Amino acid sequence: MNETTDLFEAMRTMRAMRRLKPDPVPDALIHRILHAGTCAPSGGNYQRWRFLVLKDMAKKQAVQAWYKKAYDEVIGPRYASSAPPPGTDAAKYARQHAAVEYLTEHFHEAPVWIVACLEEEGAGSRMSGASIYPAVQNMLLACRALGLGSTLTTRHMIFAKEVDAALGLPAGVQSYAILPIGWPMGKFGPLGRGRLSDVVFLDSYGNNWREADAVQEARAQP
């Protein structure tokens, strides 16, 4: 197991792990991941998050069918027509695409899913994510710390009503993310990202903060 207790190392090396072994994951580790999730902040500290731990193969297969439909109709064509993102190249992007295809076909084989949900009225809003995605990030970091692989996926929301029905969620509860969790086939390592100055502005939007690049490059040195 490639474990780490260094927070910055975990963030720096927390690659999306889309190829997961079907080997069981001990419940004790899932409990630690869930506890990390509930340590996150939420709007008003209302803690309206709900976490469905899913091991049932029939339910996972039902969701995987919608997950693949979303890939075939939306995600796959988007990958095929998109240029490599910042910090990567065509070859790396092709490997990422292959990993996405693998997860699409084997989504249901991940031994454990954590479905992150919110209890809310109506369809939610842009503010809703602030009460669930910090918990999701905490759980992803916990997975990394324990040497477990996962990835944040929201693709199922393209067919949200159908998937929530397949999951058996009651009225007033909506899923916001699915975390497939398992032992990774690959290795953790440095993430591919673009320059800070391309996305960081100083005082005015569009005023690139060039000095940020020097700090980023210095931190990247071994």
Protein backbone atom coordinates (compact mmCIF):
# COMPACT_ATOMS: atom_id res chain seq x y z
CA MET A 1 0.00 0.00 0.00
CA ASN A 2 1.27 3.45 -0.94
CA GLU A 3 0.13 5.34 2.15
CA THR A 4 1.03 8.88 3.20
CA THR A 5 0.22 11.05 6.18
CA ASP A 6 1.67 14.24 4.65
CA LEU A 7 -1.26 16.41 3.53
CA PHE A 8 0.61 18.30 0.83
CA GLU A 9 2.14 15.09 -0.52
CA ALA A 10 -1.33 13.56 -0.66
CA MET A 11 -2.69 16.51 -2.63
CA ARG A 12 0.34 16.61 -4.93
CA THR A 13 0.12 12.92 -5.82
CA MET A 14 -3.62 12.21 -5.66
CA ARG A 15 -4.09 11.06 -9.23
CA ALA A 16 -7.53 9.98 -10.35
CA MET A 17 -7.41 6.20 -10.04
CA ARG A 18 -9.83 4.80 -12.62
CA ARG A 19 -8.38 1.28 -12.77
CA LEU A 20 -9.25 -0.47 -9.54
CA LYS A 21 -8.80 -4.03 -8.39
CA PRO A 22 -11.98 -5.94 -7.43
CA ASP A 23 -10.32 -7.06 -4.17
CA PRO A 24 -12.37 -6.33 -1.02
CA VAL A 25 -11.73 -3.16 0.98
CA PRO A 26 -12.02 -3.59 4.77
CA ASP A 27 -15.01 -1.86 6.33
CA ALA A 28 -12.67 -0.31 8.90
CA LEU A 29 -11.03 1.73 6.13
CA ILE A 30 -14.38 2.79 4.70
CA HIS A 31 -15.38 3.96 8.19
CA ARG A 32 -12.24 6.14 8.35
CA ILE A 33 -13.00 7.61 4.93
CA LEU A 34 -16.59 8.39 5.91
CA HIS A 35 -15.48 9.99 9.17
CA ALA A 36 -13.10 12.20 7.21
CA GLY A 37 -16.06 13.24 5.04
CA THR A 38 -18.14 14.27 8.05
CA CYS A 39 -15.27 16.43 9.32
CA ALA A 40 -15.82 18.78 6.38
CA PRO A 41 -17.72 22.08 6.64
CA SER A 42 -21.25 22.48 5.35
CA GLY A 43 -23.55 25.45 4.85
CA GLY A 44 -24.85 26.64 8.21
CA ASN A 45 -23.33 23.47 9.69
CA TYR A 46 -26.65 21.81 8.84
CA GLN A 47 -24.86 18.60 7.77
CA ARG A 48 -27.54 17.58 5.32
CA TRP A 49 -25.13 15.26 3.60
CA ARG A 50 -26.06 11.60 3.31
CA PHE A 51 -23.63 8.89 2.24
CA LEU A 52 -24.80 5.67 0.61
CA VAL A 53 -22.16 2.94 0.87
CA LEU A 54 -22.90 0.65 -2.02
CA LYS A 55 -21.64 -2.92 -2.43
CA ASP A 56 -24.74 -4.44 -4.05
CA MET A 57 -23.70 -5.64 -7.49
CA ALA A 58 -27.18 -5.48 -9.02
CA LYS A 59 -27.57 -1.81 -8.12
CA LYS A 60 -24.07 -0.98 -9.31
CA GLN A 61 -24.73 -2.70 -12.63
CA ALA A 62 -27.97 -0.76 -13.05
CA VAL A 63 -26.12 2.52 -12.51
CA GLN A 64 -23.24 1.43 -14.75
CA ALA A 65 -25.66 1.09 -17.66
CA TRP A 66 -26.61 4.79 -17.33
CA TYR A 67 -22.97 5.68 -16.71
CA LYS A 68 -21.98 4.06 -20.01
CA LYS A 69 -24.88 5.69 -21.85
CA ALA A 70 -23.62 9.08 -20.63
CA TYR A 71 -20.16 8.19 -21.94
CA ASP A 72 -21.40 7.01 -25.32
CA GLU A 73 -23.63 10.05 -25.87
CA VAL A 74 -21.74 12.89 -24.17
CA ILE A 75 -18.39 12.20 -22.51
CA GLY A 76 -16.76 10.03 -25.19
CA PRO A 77 -17.39 12.49 -28.05
CA ARG A 78 -16.17 15.33 -25.83
CA TYR A 79 -12.88 13.56 -25.18
CA ALA A 80 -12.46 12.73 -28.84
CA SER A 81 -12.85 16.36 -29.91
CA SER A 82 -10.93 18.08 -27.08
CA ALA A 83 -7.31 19.22 -27.03
CA PRO A 84 -5.02 18.00 -24.22
CA PRO A 85 -5.58 20.00 -21.02
CA PRO A 86 -2.87 22.22 -19.45
CA GLY A 87 0.11 20.37 -18.02
CA THR A 88 -0.22 17.35 -20.29
CA ASP A 89 0.32 16.30 -23.90
CA ALA A 90 -1.39 14.20 -26.54
CA ALA A 91 0.11 10.91 -25.34
CA LYS A 92 -0.80 11.51 -21.70
CA TYR A 93 -4.27 12.65 -22.69
CA ALA A 94 -4.74 9.46 -24.71
CA ARG A 95 -3.79 7.40 -21.64
CA GLN A 96 -6.28 9.39 -19.57
CA HIS A 97 -8.98 8.74 -22.15
CA ALA A 98 -8.16 5.02 -22.07
CA ALA A 99 -8.49 5.05 -18.29
CA VAL A 100 -11.86 6.78 -18.56
CA GLU A 101 -13.01 4.11 -21.00
CA TYR A 102 -11.80 1.40 -18.61
CA LEU A 103 -13.72 2.90 -15.70
CA THR A 104 -16.80 3.18 -17.89
CA GLU A 105 -16.75 -0.54 -18.63
CA HIS A 106 -15.70 -1.67 -15.14
CA PHE A 107 -17.44 0.93 -12.96
CA HIS A 108 -19.60 -1.68 -11.23
CA GLU A 109 -16.57 -3.82 -10.38
CA ALA A 110 -15.13 -1.32 -7.90
CA PRO A 111 -15.70 -3.15 -4.59
CA VAL A 112 -17.19 -0.16 -2.78
CA TRP A 113 -18.94 3.00 -3.89
CA ILE A 114 -19.67 5.98 -1.72
CA VAL A 115 -22.56 7.95 -3.18
CA ALA A 116 -22.50 11.50 -1.80
CA CYS A 117 -26.00 12.92 -1.48
CA LEU A 118 -27.81 15.91 -0.03
CA GLU A 119 -31.19 16.12 1.60
CA GLU A 120 -32.72 19.23 0.04
CA GLU A 121 -35.93 20.62 -1.32
CA GLY A 122 -36.32 21.29 -5.03
CA ALA A 123 -33.55 20.91 -7.58
CA GLY A 124 -30.77 22.55 -5.60
CA SER A 125 -28.66 25.50 -6.71
CA ARG A 126 -25.07 26.64 -7.22
CA MET A 127 -24.81 26.99 -3.45
CA SER A 128 -25.67 23.35 -2.80
CA GLY A 129 -22.25 22.03 -3.77
CA ALA A 130 -20.65 23.94 -0.90
CA SER A 131 -22.40 21.57 1.50
CA ILE A 132 -21.26 18.31 -0.10
CA TYR A 133 -18.12 18.69 -2.22
CA PRO A 134 -15.83 19.61 0.69
CA ALA A 135 -16.86 16.28 2.24
CA VAL A 136 -16.15 14.55 -1.07
CA GLN A 137 -12.66 16.07 -1.21
CA ASN A 138 -11.99 15.01 2.38
CA MET A 139 -12.94 11.45 1.49
CA LEU A 140 -10.71 11.47 -1.59
CA LEU A 141 -7.79 12.69 0.52
CA ALA A 142 -8.54 9.97 3.07
CA CYS A 143 -8.47 7.37 0.30
CA ARG A 144 -5.08 8.67 -0.83
CA ALA A 145 -3.73 8.66 2.74
CA LEU A 146 -4.75 5.00 3.09
CA GLY A 147 -3.30 3.97 -0.27
CA LEU A 148 -6.74 3.42 -1.81
CA GLY A 149 -7.66 4.59 -5.28
CA SER A 150 -10.71 6.61 -6.22
CA THR A 151 -11.90 9.43 -8.44
CA LEU A 152 -14.59 12.08 -8.21
CA THR A 153 -17.21 11.31 -10.83
CA THR A 154 -20.42 13.23 -11.47
CA ARG A 155 -21.16 11.85 -14.93
CA HIS A 156 -24.18 9.94 -13.67
CA MET A 157 -25.93 13.29 -13.14
CA ILE A 158 -26.49 13.50 -16.89
CA PHE A 159 -29.21 10.94 -16.14
CA ALA A 160 -29.75 12.04 -12.54
CA LYS A 161 -33.39 11.00 -12.15
CA GLU A 162 -32.81 7.55 -13.61
CA VAL A 163 -29.68 6.92 -11.54
CA ASP A 164 -31.19 8.18 -8.29
CA ALA A 165 -34.11 5.84 -8.92
CA ALA A 166 -31.74 2.92 -9.56
CA LEU A 167 -29.98 3.76 -6.30
CA GLY A 168 -33.30 3.75 -4.50
CA LEU A 169 -32.97 7.30 -3.18
CA PRO A 170 -36.15 8.70 -1.63
CA ALA A 171 -37.80 11.96 -2.63
CA GLY A 172 -35.88 14.99 -1.38
CA VAL A 173 -32.49 13.25 -1.60
CA GLN A 174 -30.23 13.83 -4.60
CA SER A 175 -26.85 12.35 -5.48
CA TYR A 176 -24.00 14.75 -6.21
CA ALA A 177 -21.04 12.41 -6.71
CA ILE A 178 -20.07 8.76 -6.81
CA LEU A 179 -16.68 7.68 -5.49
CA PRO A 180 -15.67 4.20 -6.70
CA ILE A 181 -13.13 2.93 -4.16
CA GLY A 182 -10.64 0.09 -4.43
CA TRP A 183 -6.98 -0.84 -4.42
CA PRO A 184 -5.37 0.89 -7.42
CA MET A 185 -3.78 -0.98 -10.30
CA GLY A 186 -1.53 2.00 -11.03
CA LYS A 187 0.74 4.17 -8.92
CA PHE A 188 0.23 7.52 -7.29
CA GLY A 189 2.47 10.30 -8.54
CA PRO A 190 2.82 13.98 -9.43
CA LEU A 191 -0.19 15.54 -11.11
CA GLY A 192 -0.06 17.21 -14.53
CA ARG A 193 -1.15 20.81 -14.19
CA GLY A 194 -0.60 24.04 -16.10
CA ARG A 195 1.15 27.19 -14.89
CA LEU A 196 -0.33 29.03 -11.93
CA SER A 197 -0.14 32.35 -13.77
CA ASP A 198 -2.56 31.05 -16.39
CA VAL A 199 -5.32 30.69 -13.82
CA VAL A 200 -4.31 33.10 -11.04
CA PHE A 201 -4.96 36.83 -11.33
CA LEU A 202 -3.77 39.63 -9.06
CA ASP A 203 -6.24 42.36 -8.08
CA SER A 204 -8.02 42.38 -11.46
CA TYR A 205 -9.49 39.46 -13.41
CA GLY A 206 -7.21 38.84 -16.39
CA ASN A 207 -4.13 40.38 -14.74
CA ASN A 208 -2.02 37.22 -14.63
CA TRP A 209 0.09 36.87 -11.49
CA ARG A 210 3.42 36.03 -13.13
CA GLU A 211 5.34 35.80 -9.86
CA ALA A 212 3.27 32.73 -8.95
CA ASP A 213 5.14 30.68 -11.55
CA ALA A 214 8.49 31.14 -9.82
CA VAL A 215 7.06 29.86 -6.55
CA GLN A 216 5.44 26.92 -8.34
CA GLU A 217 8.68 25.99 -10.09
CA ALA A 218 10.67 26.25 -6.88
CA ARG A 219 8.28 23.92 -5.07
CA ALA A 220 8.49 21.41 -7.93
CA GLN A 221 12.22 21.00 -7.48
CA PRO A 222 13.25 17.78 -5.66
